[in-house]
Amino acid sequence: MALLLIALVALLAACGTAPPLPRDRYYALEPDGSAPTAGQLVAAILQVNDLAARGFLGGRQILYRTQEQPLVVERYETYLWEVPAPRALAAILVETIRDVGLFRHVVIPADRAKPDLLLGGEVERFEHRPTERPPLVLAKLNLSLVRTNDRRSLWTRQYSGQEPVSADTPDAMAEAFNRLARRLALEVTRDLVALGTKLESTARP
């Protein structure tokens, strides 16, 4: 009996010194900064649709790959997006295009407006590469611009890029993701500005 009591006390002591469980850490995808003004106004309403996602990209867990297993997509257990990346990227596109001031209105599906143009697509890749030298994050978006009255595609383009991670910490990883998201959103808006008044003439036949 004495040995059993000693063993029980030892077990309870071991349980009392067990390390705490790791806490989930949520990161926002909300890059700072505003886009340059376009200097012209297209008399059309643009709707930015929610972006589709491949594989695990539709969830909140941040994805990564390693050099040792480049075909294996893995998910961090405790590093999560506050909002799933496809939804957050769509919101960044909306905010950036609005800042440019190119369109009469920039709306989302929940606004229940009658848009002239639709911008949508898919997030093909949005992941951390921690074993690269230097470590980096990378992204790839496939976007298309469609005229609503006849569903004619005006252009289909792919946007991709990568951004180095400044330190071996999850915070530095999230900051790199934010820089990359802003850079890609600016590329999309520059392409829309380059089309300029052509967008207005193609919005309606």
C-alpha atoms as a PDB file:
ATOM      1  CA  MET A   1       0.000   0.000   0.000  1.00  0.00           C
ATOM      2  CA  ALA A   2       2.846   2.363   0.880  1.00  0.00           C
ATOM      3  CA  LEU A   3       4.447   1.773  -2.516  1.00  0.00           C
ATOM      4  CA  LEU A   4       1.136   2.471  -4.248  1.00  0.00           C
ATOM      5  CA  LEU A   5       0.770   5.770  -2.363  1.00  0.00           C
ATOM      6  CA  ILE A   6       4.312   6.797  -3.287  1.00  0.00           C
ATOM      7  CA  ALA A   7       3.669   5.987  -6.942  1.00  0.00           C
ATOM      8  CA  LEU A   8       0.411   7.984  -6.896  1.00  0.00           C
ATOM      9  CA  VAL A   9       2.128  11.012  -5.329  1.00  0.00           C
ATOM     10  CA  ALA A  10       4.907  10.814  -7.939  1.00  0.00           C
ATOM     11  CA  LEU A  11       2.337  10.633 -10.748  1.00  0.00           C
ATOM     12  CA  LEU A  12       0.442  13.646  -9.429  1.00  0.00           C
ATOM     13  CA  ALA A  13       3.677  15.600  -9.086  1.00  0.00           C
ATOM     14  CA  ALA A  14       4.616  14.776 -12.669  1.00  0.00           C
ATOM     15  CA  CYS A  15       1.203  15.915 -13.894  1.00  0.00           C
ATOM     16  CA  GLY A  16       1.570  19.167 -11.973  1.00  0.00           C
ATOM     17  CA  THR A  17       4.805  20.018 -13.767  1.00  0.00           C
ATOM     18  CA  ALA A  18       3.580  19.126 -17.274  1.00  0.00           C
ATOM     19  CA  PRO A  19       4.139  21.958 -19.776  1.00  0.00           C
ATOM     20  CA  PRO A  20       1.041  23.979 -20.709  1.00  0.00           C
ATOM     21  CA  LEU A  21      -0.691  23.179 -23.949  1.00  0.00           C
ATOM     22  CA  PRO A  22       0.238  25.537 -26.808  1.00  0.00           C
ATOM     23  CA  ARG A  23      -2.312  28.278 -27.403  1.00  0.00           C
ATOM     24  CA  ASP A  24      -3.759  29.001 -30.816  1.00  0.00           C
ATOM     25  CA  ARG A  25      -2.346  32.165 -32.391  1.00  0.00           C
ATOM     26  CA  TYR A  26      -4.581  34.008 -34.852  1.00  0.00           C
ATOM     27  CA  TYR A  27      -3.122  36.351 -37.466  1.00  0.00           C
ATOM     28  CA  ALA A  28      -4.898  39.059 -39.443  1.00  0.00           C
ATOM     29  CA  LEU A  29      -4.329  39.536 -43.146  1.00  0.00           C
ATOM     30  CA  GLU A  30      -4.777  43.312 -43.204  1.00  0.00           C
ATOM     31  CA  PRO A  31      -1.849  45.094 -44.893  1.00  0.00           C
ATOM     32  CA  ASP A  32      -1.327  48.772 -44.191  1.00  0.00           C
ATOM     33  CA  GLY A  33      -1.061  51.506 -46.760  1.00  0.00           C
ATOM     34  CA  SER A  34      -3.227  53.046 -49.445  1.00  0.00           C
ATOM     35  CA  ALA A  35      -3.087  52.764 -53.218  1.00  0.00           C
ATOM     36  CA  PRO A  36      -2.242  55.711 -55.510  1.00  0.00           C
ATOM     37  CA  THR A  37      -5.230  57.548 -56.982  1.00  0.00           C
ATOM     38  CA  ALA A  38      -6.090  56.602 -60.567  1.00  0.00           C
ATOM     39  CA  GLY A  39      -6.881  60.140 -61.677  1.00  0.00           C
ATOM     40  CA  GLN A  40      -9.866  59.045 -63.745  1.00  0.00           C
ATOM     41  CA  LEU A  41     -13.283  57.557 -63.096  1.00  0.00           C
ATOM     42  CA  VAL A  42     -14.936  54.690 -64.952  1.00  0.00           C
ATOM     43  CA  ALA A  43     -18.717  55.022 -64.885  1.00  0.00           C
ATOM     44  CA  ALA A  44     -19.195  51.367 -64.013  1.00  0.00           C
ATOM     45  CA  ILE A  45     -19.857  49.295 -60.917  1.00  0.00           C
ATOM     46  CA  LEU A  46     -17.314  46.586 -60.168  1.00  0.00           C
ATOM     47  CA  GLN A  47     -18.218  43.656 -57.936  1.00  0.00           C
ATOM     48  CA  VAL A  48     -15.384  41.710 -56.329  1.00  0.00           C
ATOM     49  CA  ASN A  49     -16.574  38.169 -55.692  1.00  0.00           C
ATOM     50  CA  ASP A  50     -15.373  35.820 -53.002  1.00  0.00           C
ATOM     51  CA  LEU A  51     -12.315  33.891 -54.128  1.00  0.00           C
ATOM     52  CA  ALA A  52     -12.352  30.122 -54.466  1.00  0.00           C
ATOM     53  CA  ALA A  53      -9.560  28.077 -52.910  1.00  0.00           C
ATOM     54  CA  ARG A  54      -7.667  24.906 -53.691  1.00  0.00           C
ATOM     55  CA  GLY A  55      -7.324  22.135 -51.150  1.00  0.00           C
ATOM     56  CA  PHE A  56      -6.757  23.218 -47.567  1.00  0.00           C
ATOM     57  CA  LEU A  57      -6.525  26.906 -48.511  1.00  0.00           C
ATOM     58  CA  GLY A  58     -10.184  27.425 -47.663  1.00  0.00           C
ATOM     59  CA  GLY A  59      -9.561  26.845 -43.966  1.00  0.00           C
ATOM     60  CA  ARG A  60      -7.924  28.931 -41.252  1.00  0.00           C
ATOM     61  CA  GLN A  61      -4.754  26.924 -40.752  1.00  0.00           C
ATOM     62  CA  ILE A  62      -1.629  28.420 -42.337  1.00  0.00           C
ATOM     63  CA  LEU A  63      -0.066  26.084 -44.877  1.00  0.00           C
ATOM     64  CA  TYR A  64       3.618  25.289 -45.384  1.00  0.00           C
ATOM     65  CA  ARG A  65       5.976  23.040 -47.370  1.00  0.00           C
ATOM     66  CA  THR A  66       9.540  21.986 -46.788  1.00  0.00           C
ATOM     67  CA  GLN A  67      12.414  21.371 -49.184  1.00  0.00           C
ATOM     68  CA  GLU A  68      12.641  17.788 -47.970  1.00  0.00           C
ATOM     69  CA  GLN A  69       9.025  17.051 -48.975  1.00  0.00           C
ATOM     70  CA  PRO A  70       8.055  19.556 -51.687  1.00  0.00           C
ATOM     71  CA  LEU A  71       4.963  17.575 -52.732  1.00  0.00           C
ATOM     72  CA  VAL A  72       3.537  17.445 -49.206  1.00  0.00           C
ATOM     73  CA  VAL A  73       1.319  20.336 -48.107  1.00  0.00           C
ATOM     74  CA  GLU A  74       1.205  20.619 -44.320  1.00  0.00           C
ATOM     75  CA  ARG A  75      -0.754  22.772 -41.896  1.00  0.00           C
ATOM     76  CA  TYR A  76       0.409  24.513 -38.732  1.00  0.00           C
ATOM     77  CA  GLU A  77      -1.661  23.333 -35.785  1.00  0.00           C
ATOM     78  CA  THR A  78      -1.621  26.538 -33.741  1.00  0.00           C
ATOM     79  CA  TYR A  79      -0.862  29.268 -36.317  1.00  0.00           C
ATOM     80  CA  LEU A  80      -4.184  30.294 -37.825  1.00  0.00           C
ATOM     81  CA  TRP A  81      -5.713  33.046 -39.939  1.00  0.00           C
ATOM     82  CA  GLU A  82      -8.289  35.216 -38.214  1.00  0.00           C
ATOM     83  CA  VAL A  83     -10.266  34.983 -41.478  1.00  0.00           C
ATOM     84  CA  PRO A  84      -9.576  32.291 -44.120  1.00  0.00           C
ATOM     85  CA  ALA A  85      -7.021  33.596 -46.609  1.00  0.00           C
ATOM     86  CA  PRO A  86      -9.324  33.604 -49.704  1.00  0.00           C
ATOM     87  CA  ARG A  87     -11.895  35.790 -47.927  1.00  0.00           C
ATOM     88  CA  ALA A  88      -9.202  38.074 -46.564  1.00  0.00           C
ATOM     89  CA  LEU A  89      -7.545  38.446 -49.978  1.00  0.00           C
ATOM     90  CA  ALA A  90     -10.881  39.350 -51.582  1.00  0.00           C
ATOM     91  CA  ALA A  91     -11.387  42.025 -48.909  1.00  0.00           C
ATOM     92  CA  ILE A  92      -7.886  43.397 -49.591  1.00  0.00           C
ATOM     93  CA  LEU A  93      -8.697  43.636 -53.309  1.00  0.00           C
ATOM     94  CA  VAL A  94     -11.913  45.516 -52.523  1.00  0.00           C
ATOM     95  CA  GLU A  95     -10.155  48.000 -50.256  1.00  0.00           C
ATOM     96  CA  THR A  96      -7.244  48.582 -52.636  1.00  0.00           C
ATOM     97  CA  ILE A  97      -9.429  49.069 -55.722  1.00  0.00           C
ATOM     98  CA  ARG A  98     -11.656  51.455 -53.781  1.00  0.00           C
ATOM     99  CA  ASP A  99      -8.606  53.469 -52.715  1.00  0.00           C
ATOM    100  CA  VAL A 100      -7.588  53.841 -56.360  1.00  0.00           C
ATOM    101  CA  GLY A 101     -10.923  55.517 -57.141  1.00  0.00           C
ATOM    102  CA  LEU A 102     -11.184  54.085 -60.649  1.00  0.00           C
ATOM    103  CA  PHE A 103     -14.789  52.853 -60.532  1.00  0.00           C
ATOM    104  CA  ARG A 104     -18.040  54.577 -59.668  1.00  0.00           C
ATOM    105  CA  HIS A 105     -18.602  51.919 -57.014  1.00  0.00           C
ATOM    106  CA  VAL A 106     -16.749  48.807 -55.861  1.00  0.00           C
ATOM    107  CA  VAL A 107     -19.117  46.362 -54.193  1.00  0.00           C
ATOM    108  CA  ILE A 108     -19.243  42.833 -52.799  1.00  0.00           C
ATOM    109  CA  PRO A 109     -21.987  40.194 -53.326  1.00  0.00           C
ATOM    110  CA  ALA A 110     -23.620  41.072 -49.979  1.00  0.00           C
ATOM    111  CA  ASP A 111     -24.268  44.623 -51.225  1.00  0.00           C
ATOM    112  CA  ARG A 112     -26.924  43.271 -53.624  1.00  0.00           C
ATOM    113  CA  ALA A 113     -26.032  45.890 -56.229  1.00  0.00           C
ATOM    114  CA  LYS A 114     -26.305  45.515 -60.016  1.00  0.00           C
ATOM    115  CA  PRO A 115     -22.679  45.480 -61.163  1.00  0.00           C
ATOM    116  CA  ASP A 116     -21.419  46.013 -64.683  1.00  0.00           C
ATOM    117  CA  LEU A 117     -18.231  44.015 -64.127  1.00  0.00           C
ATOM    118  CA  LEU A 118     -17.277  41.052 -61.973  1.00  0.00           C
ATOM    119  CA  LEU A 119     -13.796  40.353 -60.640  1.00  0.00           C
ATOM    120  CA  GLY A 120     -13.248  36.875 -59.228  1.00  0.00           C
ATOM    121  CA  GLY A 121     -11.093  33.803 -59.365  1.00  0.00           C
ATOM    122  CA  GLU A 122      -9.135  31.374 -57.259  1.00  0.00           C
ATOM    123  CA  VAL A 123      -6.316  31.293 -54.747  1.00  0.00           C
ATOM    124  CA  GLU A 124      -4.043  28.560 -56.079  1.00  0.00           C
ATOM    125  CA  ARG A 125      -1.240  28.933 -53.560  1.00  0.00           C
ATOM    126  CA  PHE A 126      -0.653  30.844 -50.330  1.00  0.00           C
ATOM    127  CA  GLU A 127       1.947  29.138 -48.185  1.00  0.00           C
ATOM    128  CA  HIS A 128       5.039  29.412 -46.006  1.00  0.00           C
ATOM    129  CA  ARG A 129       8.365  27.899 -47.062  1.00  0.00           C
ATOM    130  CA  PRO A 130      10.302  27.782 -43.764  1.00  0.00           C
ATOM    131  CA  THR A 131      13.249  25.672 -44.995  1.00  0.00           C
ATOM    132  CA  GLU A 132      14.156  27.852 -47.988  1.00  0.00           C
ATOM    133  CA  ARG A 133      17.260  29.996 -47.652  1.00  0.00           C
ATOM    134  CA  PRO A 134      16.148  32.599 -46.870  1.00  0.00           C
ATOM    135  CA  PRO A 135      12.697  31.488 -45.642  1.00  0.00           C
ATOM    136  CA  LEU A 136       9.845  32.978 -47.644  1.00  0.00           C
ATOM    137  CA  VAL A 137       6.115  33.041 -48.267  1.00  0.00           C
ATOM    138  CA  LEU A 138       4.609  32.706 -51.726  1.00  0.00           C
ATOM    139  CA  ALA A 139       1.241  33.161 -53.415  1.00  0.00           C
ATOM    140  CA  LYS A 140      -0.473  32.559 -56.731  1.00  0.00           C
ATOM    141  CA  LEU A 141      -3.869  33.974 -57.738  1.00  0.00           C
ATOM    142  CA  ASN A 142      -5.881  33.295 -60.910  1.00  0.00           C
ATOM    143  CA  LEU A 143      -8.267  36.168 -61.602  1.00  0.00           C
ATOM    144  CA  SER A 144     -10.735  37.028 -64.344  1.00  0.00           C
ATOM    145  CA  LEU A 145     -12.745  40.128 -65.208  1.00  0.00           C
ATOM    146  CA  VAL A 146     -16.207  39.400 -66.620  1.00  0.00           C
ATOM    147  CA  ARG A 147     -18.894  41.599 -68.125  1.00  0.00           C
ATOM    148  CA  THR A 148     -22.178  40.843 -66.367  1.00  0.00           C
ATOM    149  CA  ASN A 149     -24.695  41.357 -69.159  1.00  0.00           C
ATOM    150  CA  ASP A 150     -23.310  38.623 -71.415  1.00  0.00           C
ATOM    151  CA  ARG A 151     -20.770  36.883 -69.103  1.00  0.00           C
ATOM    152  CA  ARG A 152     -18.016  37.713 -71.555  1.00  0.00           C
ATOM    153  CA  SER A 153     -14.508  37.440 -70.104  1.00  0.00           C
ATOM    154  CA  LEU A 154     -12.550  40.639 -70.655  1.00  0.00           C
ATOM    155  CA  TRP A 155      -9.283  39.241 -69.328  1.00  0.00           C
ATOM    156  CA  THR A 156      -7.911  36.321 -67.359  1.00  0.00           C
ATOM    157  CA  ARG A 157      -4.621  36.798 -65.573  1.00  0.00           C
ATOM    158  CA  GLN A 158      -2.356  35.093 -63.082  1.00  0.00           C
ATOM    159  CA  TYR A 159      -0.638  36.949 -60.270  1.00  0.00           C
ATOM    160  CA  SER A 160       2.176  35.362 -58.320  1.00  0.00           C
ATOM    161  CA  GLY A 161       5.034  36.399 -56.095  1.00  0.00           C
ATOM    162  CA  GLN A 162       7.119  35.661 -53.058  1.00  0.00           C
ATOM    163  CA  GLU A 163       8.343  37.624 -50.075  1.00  0.00           C
ATOM    164  CA  PRO A 164      11.293  36.875 -47.764  1.00  0.00           C
ATOM    165  CA  VAL A 165      10.620  36.308 -44.066  1.00  0.00           C
ATOM    166  CA  SER A 166      12.821  38.551 -41.957  1.00  0.00           C
ATOM    167  CA  ALA A 167      13.112  36.269 -38.899  1.00  0.00           C
ATOM    168  CA  ASP A 168      12.418  32.717 -37.801  1.00  0.00           C
ATOM    169  CA  THR A 169       9.230  33.625 -35.929  1.00  0.00           C
ATOM    170  CA  PRO A 170       5.520  33.232 -36.687  1.00  0.00           C
ATOM    171  CA  ASP A 171       5.052  37.010 -36.400  1.00  0.00           C
ATOM    172  CA  ALA A 172       7.653  37.606 -39.109  1.00  0.00           C
ATOM    173  CA  MET A 173       5.913  35.022 -41.291  1.00  0.00           C
ATOM    174  CA  ALA A 174       2.561  36.811 -40.913  1.00  0.00           C
ATOM    175  CA  GLU A 175       4.159  40.173 -41.699  1.00  0.00           C
ATOM    176  CA  ALA A 176       5.650  38.729 -44.902  1.00  0.00           C
ATOM    177  CA  PHE A 177       2.246  37.364 -45.926  1.00  0.00           C
ATOM    178  CA  ASN A 178       0.758  40.834 -45.423  1.00  0.00           C
ATOM    179  CA  ARG A 179       3.453  42.522 -47.526  1.00  0.00           C
ATOM    180  CA  LEU A 180       2.940  39.995 -50.310  1.00  0.00           C
ATOM    181  CA  ALA A 181      -0.863  40.344 -50.245  1.00  0.00           C
ATOM    182  CA  ARG A 182      -0.585  44.120 -50.560  1.00  0.00           C
ATOM    183  CA  ARG A 183       1.897  43.870 -53.438  1.00  0.00           C
ATOM    184  CA  LEU A 184      -0.346  41.510 -55.411  1.00  0.00           C
ATOM    185  CA  ALA A 185      -3.419  43.685 -54.788  1.00  0.00           C
ATOM    186  CA  LEU A 186      -1.512  46.695 -56.118  1.00  0.00           C
ATOM    187  CA  GLU A 187      -0.555  44.726 -59.246  1.00  0.00           C
ATOM    188  CA  VAL A 188      -4.227  43.942 -59.890  1.00  0.00           C
ATOM    189  CA  THR A 189      -5.255  47.573 -59.471  1.00  0.00           C
ATOM    190  CA  ARG A 190      -2.451  48.758 -61.766  1.00  0.00           C
ATOM    191  CA  ASP A 191      -3.752  46.416 -64.474  1.00  0.00           C
ATOM    192  CA  LEU A 192      -7.275  47.783 -64.029  1.00  0.00           C
ATOM    193  CA  VAL A 193      -6.003  51.363 -64.209  1.00  0.00           C
ATOM    194  CA  ALA A 194      -4.042  50.505 -67.364  1.00  0.00           C
ATOM    195  CA  LEU A 195      -7.299  49.444 -69.024  1.00  0.00           C
ATOM    196  CA  GLY A 196      -8.745  52.803 -68.043  1.00  0.00           C
ATOM    197  CA  THR A 197     -11.704  54.018 -70.055  1.00  0.00           C
ATOM    198  CA  LYS A 198     -11.723  50.797 -72.088  1.00  0.00           C
ATOM    199  CA  LEU A 199     -13.461  49.264 -69.102  1.00  0.00           C
ATOM    200  CA  GLU A 200     -16.318  51.731 -69.378  1.00  0.00           C
ATOM    201  CA  SER A 201     -16.837  51.005 -73.074  1.00  0.00           C
ATOM    202  CA  THR A 202     -16.841  47.247 -72.468  1.00  0.00           C
ATOM    203  CA  ALA A 203     -19.050  47.357 -69.402  1.00  0.00           C
ATOM    204  CA  ARG A 204     -22.101  47.789 -71.627  1.00  0.00           C
ATOM    205  CA  PRO A 205     -22.382  46.760 -75.268  1.00  0.00           C
END
